[in-house]
Amino acid sequence: MIILWAPNRLLRLEYLGNSTYKVESALNSKVMPNDRFVTGCFIKGQPLYLPYLERDGERTTLFVAGRNGGLSIVRKINNEMYD
């Protein structure tokens, strides 16, 4: 899955099951590869509110992707295209 929000932030995600996602790659974001988070849905045009990111076994504070303007792209992809 790919999500994008302004200004020029992009995450490529792997779905792990049970509403859990792992960050495969990140561009221009505080989110880092291998971070994990739980969310029930991604809604284009709405911010993505995450109560925490799991990083190196620790939980960060609240993270909001797309605080101003929401997510601009939410796209399910075939990961084989990027391997």
Protein backbone atom coordinates (compact mmCIF):
# COMPACT_ATOMS: atom_id res chain seq x y z
CA MET A 1 0.00 0.00 0.00
CA ILE A 2 1.16 3.54 -0.68
CA ILE A 3 -0.05 6.64 1.12
CA LEU A 4 0.95 10.21 0.27
CA TRP A 5 0.26 13.57 1.92
CA ALA A 6 1.52 17.14 1.64
CA PRO A 7 4.15 18.33 1.49
CA ASN A 8 5.61 15.47 -0.57
CA ARG A 9 5.47 12.76 2.12
CA LEU A 10 5.17 9.14 1.04
CA LEU A 11 5.03 5.78 2.82
CA ARG A 12 5.11 2.33 1.28
CA LEU A 13 3.47 -0.12 3.66
CA GLU A 14 3.21 -3.88 4.08
CA TYR A 15 0.04 -5.28 5.64
CA LEU A 16 0.91 -7.78 8.38
CA GLY A 17 -2.63 -8.77 9.39
CA ASN A 18 -4.84 -7.79 12.34
CA SER A 19 -4.96 -4.15 11.13
CA THR A 20 -1.17 -3.88 11.56
CA TYR A 21 1.12 -2.25 8.98
CA LYS A 22 4.90 -2.16 8.65
CA VAL A 23 6.65 0.76 6.93
CA GLU A 24 8.72 -0.59 4.05
CA SER A 25 10.02 2.81 2.93
CA ALA A 26 9.46 6.44 3.85
CA LEU A 27 10.14 9.66 1.95
CA ASN A 28 10.29 13.08 3.66
CA SER A 29 8.58 11.81 6.81
CA LYS A 30 9.36 11.40 10.52
CA VAL A 31 8.09 7.84 10.09
CA MET A 32 10.96 5.41 9.53
CA PRO A 33 11.32 2.09 7.73
CA ASN A 34 10.37 -0.84 10.00
CA ASP A 35 8.04 1.31 12.12
CA ARG A 36 4.73 -0.47 12.75
CA PHE A 37 1.28 0.85 13.49
CA VAL A 38 -2.34 -0.25 13.79
CA THR A 39 -5.21 1.39 11.93
CA GLY A 40 -8.64 0.29 10.81
CA CYS A 41 -8.72 2.33 7.60
CA PHE A 42 -7.12 4.92 5.33
CA ILE A 43 -9.46 7.61 4.00
CA LYS A 44 -8.39 9.83 1.12
CA GLY A 45 -8.82 13.49 2.05
CA GLN A 46 -8.76 12.80 5.81
CA PRO A 47 -5.83 12.86 8.25
CA LEU A 48 -4.54 9.51 9.47
CA TYR A 49 -4.46 9.60 13.28
CA LEU A 50 -2.19 6.99 14.84
CA PRO A 51 -2.10 6.78 18.64
CA TYR A 52 1.50 5.57 18.37
CA LEU A 53 4.16 4.14 16.10
CA GLU A 54 6.03 1.09 17.31
CA ARG A 55 9.76 1.63 16.78
CA ASP A 56 12.46 -0.71 18.10
CA GLY A 57 10.05 -2.21 20.62
CA GLU A 58 9.04 1.21 21.99
CA ARG A 59 5.88 3.21 21.36
CA THR A 60 6.10 6.83 20.21
CA THR A 61 3.57 9.54 20.94
CA LEU A 62 0.59 10.38 18.72
CA PHE A 63 1.41 10.73 15.01
CA VAL A 64 -0.82 12.43 12.45
CA ALA A 65 -0.22 12.00 8.71
CA GLY A 66 -1.87 14.66 6.58
CA ARG A 67 -2.83 16.98 9.41
CA ASN A 68 -3.47 19.78 6.88
CA GLY A 69 -5.44 18.46 3.92
CA GLY A 70 -5.51 14.76 4.72
CA LEU A 71 -4.08 11.88 2.71
CA SER A 72 -3.85 12.78 -0.98
CA ILE A 73 -3.17 9.27 -2.30
CA VAL A 74 -4.23 5.93 -0.82
CA ARG A 75 -3.39 3.10 -3.17
CA LYS A 76 -3.19 -0.65 -2.81
CA ILE A 77 -0.22 -1.92 -4.80
CA ASN A 78 1.34 -5.20 -5.78
CA ASN A 79 4.60 -5.27 -3.77
CA GLU A 80 6.27 -7.35 -6.47
CA MET A 81 6.46 -4.15 -8.54
CA TYR A 82 8.83 -2.64 -5.95
CA ASP A 83 10.98 -5.63 -4.95
